[in-house]
PDB file of N, CA and C in Angstrom:
ATOM      1  N   UNK A   1       0.954  -1.377  -0.102  1.00  0.00           N
ATOM      2  CA  UNK A   1       0.386   0.183  -0.257  1.00  0.00           C
ATOM      3  C   UNK A   1       0.897   1.215   0.250  1.00  0.00           C
ATOM      4  N   UNK A   2       1.670   1.089   0.584  1.00  0.00           N
ATOM      5  CA  UNK A   2       2.582   2.272   0.404  1.00  0.00           C
ATOM      6  C   UNK A   2       3.416   2.903  -0.659  1.00  0.00           C
ATOM      7  N   UNK A   3       3.996   1.669  -0.774  1.00  0.00           N
ATOM      8  CA  UNK A   3       4.750   2.206  -2.576  1.00  0.00           C
ATOM      9  C   UNK A   3       3.108   2.177  -3.350  1.00  0.00           C
ATOM     10  N   UNK A   4       1.909   2.309  -3.747  1.00  0.00           N
ATOM     11  CA  UNK A   4       0.958   2.976  -4.281  1.00  0.00           C
ATOM     12  C   UNK A   4       1.344   4.162  -3.932  1.00  0.00           C
ATOM     13  N   UNK A   5       1.549   4.992  -3.269  1.00  0.00           N
ATOM     14  CA  UNK A   5       1.668   6.197  -1.974  1.00  0.00           C
ATOM     15  C   UNK A   5       2.463   7.016  -2.861  1.00  0.00           C
ATOM     16  N   UNK A   6       4.363   6.503  -2.897  1.00  0.00           N
ATOM     17  CA  UNK A   6       4.847   6.909  -3.644  1.00  0.00           C
ATOM     18  C   UNK A   6       5.117   7.400  -4.409  1.00  0.00           C
ATOM     19  N   UNK A   7       4.255   6.819  -5.298  1.00  0.00           N
ATOM     20  CA  UNK A   7       4.058   6.564  -6.134  1.00  0.00           C
ATOM     21  C   UNK A   7       3.197   8.620  -6.953  1.00  0.00           C
ATOM     22  N   UNK A   8       2.647   8.927  -6.279  1.00  0.00           N
ATOM     23  CA  UNK A   8       1.648  10.161  -6.386  1.00  0.00           C
ATOM     24  C   UNK A   8       2.922  11.474  -6.222  1.00  0.00           C
ATOM     25  N   UNK A   9       2.755  12.566  -6.912  1.00  0.00           N
ATOM     26  CA  UNK A   9       3.184  13.914  -6.087  1.00  0.00           C
ATOM     27  C   UNK A   9       2.012  14.534  -6.080  1.00  0.00           C
ATOM     28  N   UNK A  10       2.607  15.803  -5.760  1.00  0.00           N
ATOM     29  CA  UNK A  10       2.068  16.919  -5.292  1.00  0.00           C
ATOM     30  C   UNK A  10       1.158  16.354  -4.076  1.00  0.00           C
ATOM     31  N   UNK A  11       0.720  17.542  -3.515  1.00  0.00           N
ATOM     32  CA  UNK A  11      -0.002  17.261  -2.289  1.00  0.00           C
ATOM     33  C   UNK A  11      -1.702  16.824  -3.127  1.00  0.00           C
ATOM     34  N   UNK A  12      -2.373  15.798  -2.104  1.00  0.00           N
ATOM     35  CA  UNK A  12      -3.636  15.327  -2.204  1.00  0.00           C
ATOM     36  C   UNK A  12      -4.569  15.213  -0.853  1.00  0.00           C
ATOM     37  N   UNK A  13      -6.207  15.083  -0.998  1.00  0.00           N
ATOM     38  CA  UNK A  13      -6.551  14.243  -0.248  1.00  0.00           C
ATOM     39  C   UNK A  13      -6.927  12.699  -0.415  1.00  0.00           C
ATOM     40  N   UNK A  14      -7.298  12.301   0.878  1.00  0.00           N
ATOM     41  CA  UNK A  14      -6.919  10.800   1.264  1.00  0.00           C
ATOM     42  C   UNK A  14      -8.848  10.705   2.148  1.00  0.00           C
ATOM     43  N   UNK A  15      -9.271  10.284   1.086  1.00  0.00           N
ATOM     44  CA  UNK A  15     -10.897   9.659   1.967  1.00  0.00           C
ATOM     45  C   UNK A  15     -10.755   8.670   2.818  1.00  0.00           C
ATOM     46  N   UNK A  16     -11.049   7.924   2.905  1.00  0.00           N
ATOM     47  CA  UNK A  16     -10.714   6.425   4.221  1.00  0.00           C
ATOM     48  C   UNK A  16     -12.935   6.392   4.172  1.00  0.00           C
ATOM     49  N   UNK A  17     -13.170   5.276   3.955  1.00  0.00           N
ATOM     50  CA  UNK A  17     -14.918   5.134   3.628  1.00  0.00           C
ATOM     51  C   UNK A  17     -14.949   3.380   4.333  1.00  0.00           C
ATOM     52  N   UNK A  18     -15.672   3.682   5.708  1.00  0.00           N
ATOM     53  CA  UNK A  18     -15.972   1.681   5.758  1.00  0.00           C
ATOM     54  C   UNK A  18     -16.555   1.323   4.488  1.00  0.00           C
ATOM     55  N   UNK A  19     -17.040   0.091   4.887  1.00  0.00           N
ATOM     56  CA  UNK A  19     -18.370  -0.403   3.666  1.00  0.00           C
ATOM     57  C   UNK A  19     -19.636  -0.099   4.384  1.00  0.00           C
ATOM     58  N   UNK A  20     -20.552  -0.106   3.368  1.00  0.00           N
ATOM     59  CA  UNK A  20     -21.710  -0.190   3.883  1.00  0.00           C
ATOM     60  C   UNK A  20     -22.420  -1.080   4.990  1.00  0.00           C
ATOM     61  N   UNK A  21     -23.722  -0.880   5.630  1.00  0.00           N
ATOM     62  CA  UNK A  21     -24.215  -2.320   6.265  1.00  0.00           C
ATOM     63  C   UNK A  21     -24.403  -3.735   5.552  1.00  0.00           C
ATOM     64  N   UNK A  22     -23.714  -4.110   5.862  1.00  0.00           N
ATOM     65  CA  UNK A  22     -23.340  -5.970   5.121  1.00  0.00           C
ATOM     66  C   UNK A  22     -24.532  -6.465   5.278  1.00  0.00           C
ATOM     67  N   UNK A  23     -24.244  -7.878   4.961  1.00  0.00           N
ATOM     68  CA  UNK A  23     -25.604  -8.502   5.338  1.00  0.00           C
ATOM     69  C   UNK A  23     -25.025  -9.523   6.859  1.00  0.00           C
ATOM     70  N   UNK A  24     -24.138  -9.161   7.650  1.00  0.00           N
ATOM     71  CA  UNK A  24     -23.069  -9.777   8.281  1.00  0.00           C
ATOM     72  C   UNK A  24     -23.558  -8.818   9.368  1.00  0.00           C
ATOM     73  N   UNK A  25     -23.630  -7.551   9.366  1.00  0.00           N
ATOM     74  CA  UNK A  25     -24.301  -6.403   9.866  1.00  0.00           C
ATOM     75  C   UNK A  25     -25.926  -6.494  10.245  1.00  0.00           C
ATOM     76  N   UNK A  26     -26.635  -6.575   9.579  1.00  0.00           N
ATOM     77  CA  UNK A  26     -27.541  -7.229   9.792  1.00  0.00           C
ATOM     78  C   UNK A  26     -28.099  -8.959  11.041  1.00  0.00           C
ATOM     79  N   UNK A  27     -27.137  -9.335  10.699  1.00  0.00           N
ATOM     80  CA  UNK A  27     -27.277 -10.922  11.726  1.00  0.00           C
ATOM     81  C   UNK A  27     -26.250 -10.771  12.651  1.00  0.00           C
ATOM     82  N   UNK A  28     -25.342  -9.063  13.391  1.00  0.00           N
ATOM     83  CA  UNK A  28     -24.911  -9.373  14.224  1.00  0.00           C
ATOM     84  C   UNK A  28     -23.834 -10.501  14.147  1.00  0.00           C
ATOM     85  N   UNK A  29     -24.059 -10.203  13.047  1.00  0.00           N
ATOM     86  CA  UNK A  29     -22.067 -11.239  13.130  1.00  0.00           C
ATOM     87  C   UNK A  29     -20.867 -11.221  13.532  1.00  0.00           C
ATOM     88  N   UNK A  30     -20.201 -11.094  13.599  1.00  0.00           N
ATOM     89  CA  UNK A  30     -18.957 -10.300  13.593  1.00  0.00           C
ATOM     90  C   UNK A  30     -17.922 -11.147  12.253  1.00  0.00           C
ATOM     91  N   UNK A  31     -17.426 -10.150  11.713  1.00  0.00           N
ATOM     92  CA  UNK A  31     -17.481 -10.697   9.672  1.00  0.00           C
ATOM     93  C   UNK A  31     -15.768 -10.849   9.815  1.00  0.00           C
ATOM     94  N   UNK A  32     -14.730  -9.703  10.388  1.00  0.00           N
ATOM     95  CA  UNK A  32     -13.978  -9.880  10.510  1.00  0.00           C
ATOM     96  C   UNK A  32     -13.319 -10.428   8.649  1.00  0.00           C
ATOM     97  N   UNK A  33     -12.475 -11.346   8.008  1.00  0.00           N
ATOM     98  CA  UNK A  33     -12.914 -11.630   6.944  1.00  0.00           C
ATOM     99  C   UNK A  33     -13.209 -12.665   6.025  1.00  0.00           C
ATOM    100  N   UNK A  34     -14.788 -12.962   6.449  1.00  0.00           N
ATOM    101  CA  UNK A  34     -15.275 -13.582   6.714  1.00  0.00           C
ATOM    102  C   UNK A  34     -15.928 -12.425   4.996  1.00  0.00           C
ATOM    103  N   UNK A  35     -16.649 -12.895   3.859  1.00  0.00           N
ATOM    104  CA  UNK A  35     -16.922 -12.538   2.809  1.00  0.00           C
ATOM    105  C   UNK A  35     -18.554 -12.136   2.482  1.00  0.00           C
ATOM    106  N   UNK A  36     -18.899 -11.584   3.724  1.00  0.00           N
ATOM    107  CA  UNK A  36     -20.002 -10.846   3.062  1.00  0.00           C
ATOM    108  C   UNK A  36     -21.053  -9.613   2.323  1.00  0.00           C
ATOM    109  N   UNK A  37     -21.861  -9.897   2.015  1.00  0.00           N
ATOM    110  CA  UNK A  37     -22.008  -9.220   0.013  1.00  0.00           C
ATOM    111  C   UNK A  37     -23.170  -7.295   1.418  1.00  0.00           C
ATOM    112  N   UNK A  38     -23.062  -6.609   0.534  1.00  0.00           N
ATOM    113  CA  UNK A  38     -23.784  -5.484   1.202  1.00  0.00           C
ATOM    114  C   UNK A  38     -25.517  -5.850   0.982  1.00  0.00           C
ATOM    115  N   UNK A  39     -25.982  -5.042   2.263  1.00  0.00           N
ATOM    116  CA  UNK A  39     -26.807  -5.589   2.192  1.00  0.00           C
ATOM    117  C   UNK A  39     -27.822  -4.209   1.397  1.00  0.00           C
ATOM    118  N   UNK A  40     -29.737  -4.669   1.204  1.00  0.00           N
ATOM    119  CA  UNK A  40     -29.794  -3.422   0.645  1.00  0.00           C
ATOM    120  C   UNK A  40     -29.878  -2.149   0.918  1.00  0.00           C
ATOM    121  N   UNK A  41     -30.073  -1.999   2.122  1.00  0.00           N
ATOM    122  CA  UNK A  41     -29.347  -0.489   2.957  1.00  0.00           C
ATOM    123  C   UNK A  41     -27.645  -0.014   2.718  1.00  0.00           C
ATOM    124  N   UNK A  42     -27.219  -1.132   3.014  1.00  0.00           N
ATOM    125  CA  UNK A  42     -25.865  -0.505   2.369  1.00  0.00           C
ATOM    126  C   UNK A  42     -25.513  -0.168   1.275  1.00  0.00           C
ATOM    127  N   UNK A  43     -26.373  -0.695   0.254  1.00  0.00           N
ATOM    128  CA  UNK A  43     -26.634  -0.331  -1.494  1.00  0.00           C
ATOM    129  C   UNK A  43     -26.676   1.119  -1.039  1.00  0.00           C
ATOM    130  N   UNK A  44     -27.332   1.226  -0.363  1.00  0.00           N
ATOM    131  CA  UNK A  44     -28.271   3.170  -0.660  1.00  0.00           C
ATOM    132  C   UNK A  44     -26.977   3.550   0.406  1.00  0.00           C
ATOM    133  N   UNK A  45     -26.437   3.619   1.403  1.00  0.00           N
ATOM    134  CA  UNK A  45     -25.401   3.867   2.286  1.00  0.00           C
ATOM    135  C   UNK A  45     -24.558   4.558   0.974  1.00  0.00           C
ATOM    136  N   UNK A  46     -23.886   3.047   0.506  1.00  0.00           N
ATOM    137  CA  UNK A  46     -23.143   3.289  -0.223  1.00  0.00           C
ATOM    138  C   UNK A  46     -23.081   4.789  -2.376  1.00  0.00           C
ATOM    139  N   UNK A  47     -24.027   4.638  -1.928  1.00  0.00           N
ATOM    140  CA  UNK A  47     -24.600   5.505  -2.746  1.00  0.00           C
ATOM    141  C   UNK A  47     -24.890   7.212  -2.553  1.00  0.00           C
ATOM    142  N   UNK A  48     -24.995   6.785  -0.885  1.00  0.00           N
ATOM    143  CA  UNK A  48     -24.997   8.668  -0.686  1.00  0.00           C
ATOM    144  C   UNK A  48     -23.536   8.730  -0.676  1.00  0.00           C
ATOM    145  N   UNK A  49     -23.334   8.529   0.075  1.00  0.00           N
ATOM    146  CA  UNK A  49     -21.462   8.916  -0.067  1.00  0.00           C
ATOM    147  C   UNK A  49     -21.466   9.388  -0.781  1.00  0.00           C
ATOM    148  N   UNK A  50     -21.228   8.482  -2.077  1.00  0.00           N
ATOM    149  CA  UNK A  50     -20.890   9.013  -3.136  1.00  0.00           C
ATOM    150  C   UNK A  50     -21.070  10.397  -3.445  1.00  0.00           C
ATOM    151  N   UNK A  51     -23.062  10.793  -3.201  1.00  0.00           N
ATOM    152  CA  UNK A  51     -23.427  11.900  -3.657  1.00  0.00           C
ATOM    153  C   UNK A  51     -22.593  12.806  -3.490  1.00  0.00           C
ATOM    154  N   UNK A  52     -21.419  13.131  -2.051  1.00  0.00           N
ATOM    155  CA  UNK A  52     -21.210  13.612  -0.820  1.00  0.00           C
ATOM    156  C   UNK A  52     -19.588  13.665  -1.818  1.00  0.00           C
ATOM    157  N   UNK A  53     -19.481  13.087  -2.270  1.00  0.00           N
ATOM    158  CA  UNK A  53     -18.436  13.024  -2.251  1.00  0.00           C
ATOM    159  C   UNK A  53     -17.574  13.555  -3.702  1.00  0.00           C
ATOM    160  N   UNK A  54     -19.158  13.466  -4.619  1.00  0.00           N
ATOM    161  CA  UNK A  54     -19.100  14.174  -7.046  1.00  0.00           C
ATOM    162  C   UNK A  54     -18.312  15.301  -6.586  1.00  0.00           C
ATOM    163  N   UNK A  55     -18.387  16.047  -5.434  1.00  0.00           N
ATOM    164  CA  UNK A  55     -17.149  17.263  -5.412  1.00  0.00           C
ATOM    165  C   UNK A  55     -15.807  17.425  -5.257  1.00  0.00           C
ATOM    166  N   UNK A  56     -15.422  16.473  -4.839  1.00  0.00           N
ATOM    167  CA  UNK A  56     -14.118  16.298  -4.174  1.00  0.00           C
ATOM    168  C   UNK A  56     -12.789  16.096  -4.821  1.00  0.00           C
ATOM    169  N   UNK A  57     -13.040  15.618  -6.204  1.00  0.00           N
ATOM    170  CA  UNK A  57     -12.186  15.679  -7.397  1.00  0.00           C
ATOM    171  C   UNK A  57     -11.209  14.572  -7.518  1.00  0.00           C
ATOM    172  N   UNK A  58     -11.847  13.393  -6.825  1.00  0.00           N
ATOM    173  CA  UNK A  58     -11.113  12.075  -6.292  1.00  0.00           C
ATOM    174  C   UNK A  58     -11.222  11.529  -7.837  1.00  0.00           C
ATOM    175  N   UNK A  59     -10.263  11.236  -8.360  1.00  0.00           N
ATOM    176  CA  UNK A  59      -9.676  10.823  -9.648  1.00  0.00           C
ATOM    177  C   UNK A  59      -8.800   8.813  -8.931  1.00  0.00           C
ATOM    178  N   UNK A  60      -8.785   8.130  -8.099  1.00  0.00           N
ATOM    179  CA  UNK A  60      -9.011   6.953  -7.369  1.00  0.00           C
ATOM    180  C   UNK A  60      -9.614   6.095  -6.289  1.00  0.00           C
ATOM    181  N   UNK A  61     -10.527   5.289  -6.456  1.00  0.00           N
ATOM    182  CA  UNK A  61     -10.693   4.418  -5.727  1.00  0.00           C
ATOM    183  C   UNK A  61      -9.989   2.782  -5.642  1.00  0.00           C
ATOM    184  N   UNK A  62      -9.935   2.881  -4.120  1.00  0.00           N
ATOM    185  CA  UNK A  62      -9.090   2.026  -3.737  1.00  0.00           C
ATOM    186  C   UNK A  62     -10.032   1.111  -3.092  1.00  0.00           C
ATOM    187  N   UNK A  63     -10.080  -0.197  -2.503  1.00  0.00           N
ATOM    188  CA  UNK A  63     -10.789  -1.275  -2.076  1.00  0.00           C
ATOM    189  C   UNK A  63      -9.849  -2.495  -1.363  1.00  0.00           C
ATOM    190  N   UNK A  64     -10.003  -2.813  -0.715  1.00  0.00           N
ATOM    191  CA  UNK A  64     -10.374  -4.217  -0.069  1.00  0.00           C
ATOM    192  C   UNK A  64     -10.729  -4.699  -1.348  1.00  0.00           C
ATOM    193  N   UNK A  65     -10.620  -6.142  -0.558  1.00  0.00           N
ATOM    194  CA  UNK A  65     -10.818  -7.214  -1.827  1.00  0.00           C
ATOM    195  C   UNK A  65     -12.193  -7.605  -1.450  1.00  0.00           C
ATOM    196  N   UNK A  66     -12.582  -7.965   0.255  1.00  0.00           N
ATOM    197  CA  UNK A  66     -13.669  -8.059   0.659  1.00  0.00           C
ATOM    198  C   UNK A  66     -14.462  -8.120  -0.305  1.00  0.00           C
ATOM    199  N   UNK A  67     -15.885  -8.757  -0.401  1.00  0.00           N
ATOM    200  CA  UNK A  67     -16.932  -8.135  -1.096  1.00  0.00           C
ATOM    201  C   UNK A  67     -18.146  -6.886  -0.689  1.00  0.00           C
ATOM    202  N   UNK A  68     -18.131  -6.957   0.089  1.00  0.00           N
ATOM    203  CA  UNK A  68     -18.142  -5.931   0.919  1.00  0.00           C
ATOM    204  C   UNK A  68     -17.670  -3.896   0.453  1.00  0.00           C
ATOM    205  N   UNK A  69     -17.117  -4.157   0.691  1.00  0.00           N
ATOM    206  CA  UNK A  69     -16.013  -3.519   0.039  1.00  0.00           C
ATOM    207  C   UNK A  69     -16.121  -2.974  -1.239  1.00  0.00           C
ATOM    208  N   UNK A  70     -15.906  -3.589  -1.934  1.00  0.00           N
ATOM    209  CA  UNK A  70     -15.518  -4.187  -3.505  1.00  0.00           C
ATOM    210  C   UNK A  70     -17.726  -3.241  -3.589  1.00  0.00           C
ATOM    211  N   UNK A  71     -18.471  -3.812  -3.539  1.00  0.00           N
ATOM    212  CA  UNK A  71     -19.484  -2.959  -3.533  1.00  0.00           C
ATOM    213  C   UNK A  71     -19.185  -1.578  -3.549  1.00  0.00           C
ATOM    214  N   UNK A  72     -19.040  -1.056  -2.402  1.00  0.00           N
ATOM    215  CA  UNK A  72     -19.065  -0.234  -1.670  1.00  0.00           C
ATOM    216  C   UNK A  72     -18.006   0.738  -3.014  1.00  0.00           C
ATOM    217  N   UNK A  73     -17.409   0.277  -2.979  1.00  0.00           N
ATOM    218  CA  UNK A  73     -15.844   1.368  -3.971  1.00  0.00           C
ATOM    219  C   UNK A  73     -16.595   1.518  -4.770  1.00  0.00           C
ATOM    220  N   UNK A  74     -16.965   0.219  -5.676  1.00  0.00           N
ATOM    221  CA  UNK A  74     -17.772   0.566  -7.241  1.00  0.00           C
ATOM    222  C   UNK A  74     -18.821   1.218  -7.197  1.00  0.00           C
ATOM    223  N   UNK A  75     -19.688   1.496  -5.978  1.00  0.00           N
ATOM    224  CA  UNK A  75     -20.933   2.519  -5.566  1.00  0.00           C
ATOM    225  C   UNK A  75     -20.369   4.270  -6.160  1.00  0.00           C
ATOM    226  N   UNK A  76     -18.965   4.323  -5.224  1.00  0.00           N
ATOM    227  CA  UNK A  76     -18.176   5.237  -5.205  1.00  0.00           C
ATOM    228  C   UNK A  76     -17.980   5.468  -7.138  1.00  0.00           C
ATOM    229  N   UNK A  77     -17.680   4.793  -7.227  1.00  0.00           N
ATOM    230  CA  UNK A  77     -16.622   4.726  -8.740  1.00  0.00           C
ATOM    231  C   UNK A  77     -18.367   5.538  -9.718  1.00  0.00           C
ATOM    232  N   UNK A  78     -18.815   4.502  -9.744  1.00  0.00           N
ATOM    233  CA  UNK A  78     -20.113   5.063 -11.107  1.00  0.00           C
ATOM    234  C   UNK A  78     -20.425   6.350 -10.506  1.00  0.00           C
ATOM    235  N   UNK A  79     -21.022   7.171  -9.652  1.00  0.00           N
ATOM    236  CA  UNK A  79     -21.205   8.269  -8.943  1.00  0.00           C
ATOM    237  C   UNK A  79     -19.619   9.074  -9.710  1.00  0.00           C
ATOM    238  N   UNK A  80     -18.768   9.214  -9.389  1.00  0.00           N
ATOM    239  CA  UNK A  80     -17.789   9.242 -10.068  1.00  0.00           C
ATOM    240  C   UNK A  80     -17.098   9.492 -11.238  1.00  0.00           C
ATOM    241  N   UNK A  81     -17.880   8.456 -11.825  1.00  0.00           N
ATOM    242  CA  UNK A  81     -17.906   8.299 -13.086  1.00  0.00           C
ATOM    243  C   UNK A  81     -16.099   7.775 -13.803  1.00  0.00           C
ATOM    244  N   UNK A  82     -15.753   6.735 -12.519  1.00  0.00           N
ATOM    245  CA  UNK A  82     -14.067   6.015 -12.728  1.00  0.00           C
ATOM    246  C   UNK A  82     -14.782   4.379 -12.672  1.00  0.00           C
ATOM    247  N   UNK A  83     -14.009   4.296 -13.750  1.00  0.00           N
ATOM    248  CA  UNK A  83     -14.551   2.931 -14.286  1.00  0.00           C
ATOM    249  C   UNK A  83     -13.232   1.305 -13.836  1.00  0.00           C
ATOM    250  N   UNK A  84     -13.107   1.889 -13.023  1.00  0.00           N
ATOM    251  CA  UNK A  84     -11.919   0.424 -12.449  1.00  0.00           C
ATOM    252  C   UNK A  84     -11.443   1.065 -10.749  1.00  0.00           C
ATOM    253  N   UNK A  85     -11.895  -0.324 -10.283  1.00  0.00           N
ATOM    254  CA  UNK A  85     -11.294   0.047  -8.804  1.00  0.00           C
ATOM    255  C   UNK A  85     -10.165  -0.633  -8.232  1.00  0.00           C
ATOM    256  N   UNK A  86      -9.609  -0.269  -7.734  1.00  0.00           N
ATOM    257  CA  UNK A  86      -8.189  -0.823  -7.200  1.00  0.00           C
ATOM    258  C   UNK A  86      -8.353  -1.621  -6.006  1.00  0.00           C
ATOM    259  N   UNK A  87      -8.077  -3.004  -5.892  1.00  0.00           N
ATOM    260  CA  UNK A  87      -8.380  -3.673  -4.808  1.00  0.00           C
ATOM    261  C   UNK A  87      -6.564  -3.753  -4.294  1.00  0.00           C
ATOM    262  N   UNK A  88      -6.933  -4.141  -2.820  1.00  0.00           N
ATOM    263  CA  UNK A  88      -5.255  -3.964  -2.721  1.00  0.00           C
ATOM    264  C   UNK A  88      -6.069  -4.879  -1.059  1.00  0.00           C
ATOM    265  N   UNK A  89      -5.128  -5.756  -0.886  1.00  0.00           N
ATOM    266  CA  UNK A  89      -4.739  -6.393   0.181  1.00  0.00           C
ATOM    267  C   UNK A  89      -4.551  -5.842   1.009  1.00  0.00           C
ATOM    268  N   UNK A  90      -4.182  -5.227   0.866  1.00  0.00           N
ATOM    269  CA  UNK A  90      -3.251  -4.174   2.478  1.00  0.00           C
ATOM    270  C   UNK A  90      -4.406  -3.703   2.965  1.00  0.00           C
ATOM    271  N   UNK A  91      -5.755  -3.481   2.469  1.00  0.00           N
ATOM    272  CA  UNK A  91      -6.961  -2.871   3.022  1.00  0.00           C
ATOM    273  C   UNK A  91      -7.485  -3.707   3.462  1.00  0.00           C
ATOM    274  N   UNK A  92      -7.482  -5.027   3.054  1.00  0.00           N
ATOM    275  CA  UNK A  92      -8.080  -6.336   4.255  1.00  0.00           C
ATOM    276  C   UNK A  92      -8.330  -6.231   6.000  1.00  0.00           C
ATOM    277  N   UNK A  93      -9.088  -6.952   6.071  1.00  0.00           N
ATOM    278  CA  UNK A  93      -9.506  -6.588   8.166  1.00  0.00           C
ATOM    279  C   UNK A  93      -7.944  -6.905   8.239  1.00  0.00           C
TER     280      UNK A  93
END
């Protein structure tokens, strides 16, 4: 992960987001690396935060490879007009 940031030049803002509500959150399961998808509410939360990020000039979206994180990141990317979400194991639980 650090290597990625070393490739960037100049000043930048970094926004850290937690994934939206997952099916595991609904079931009150401590998930860790257990890979559960977002709930319907979690998808709505991801889209809502993407709207907030819209004017922040986001250029890159990084995500943990866990499904709930990827789903959240993909929602951000769609709203921000970014095709790719970059997965990084270093962002895992």
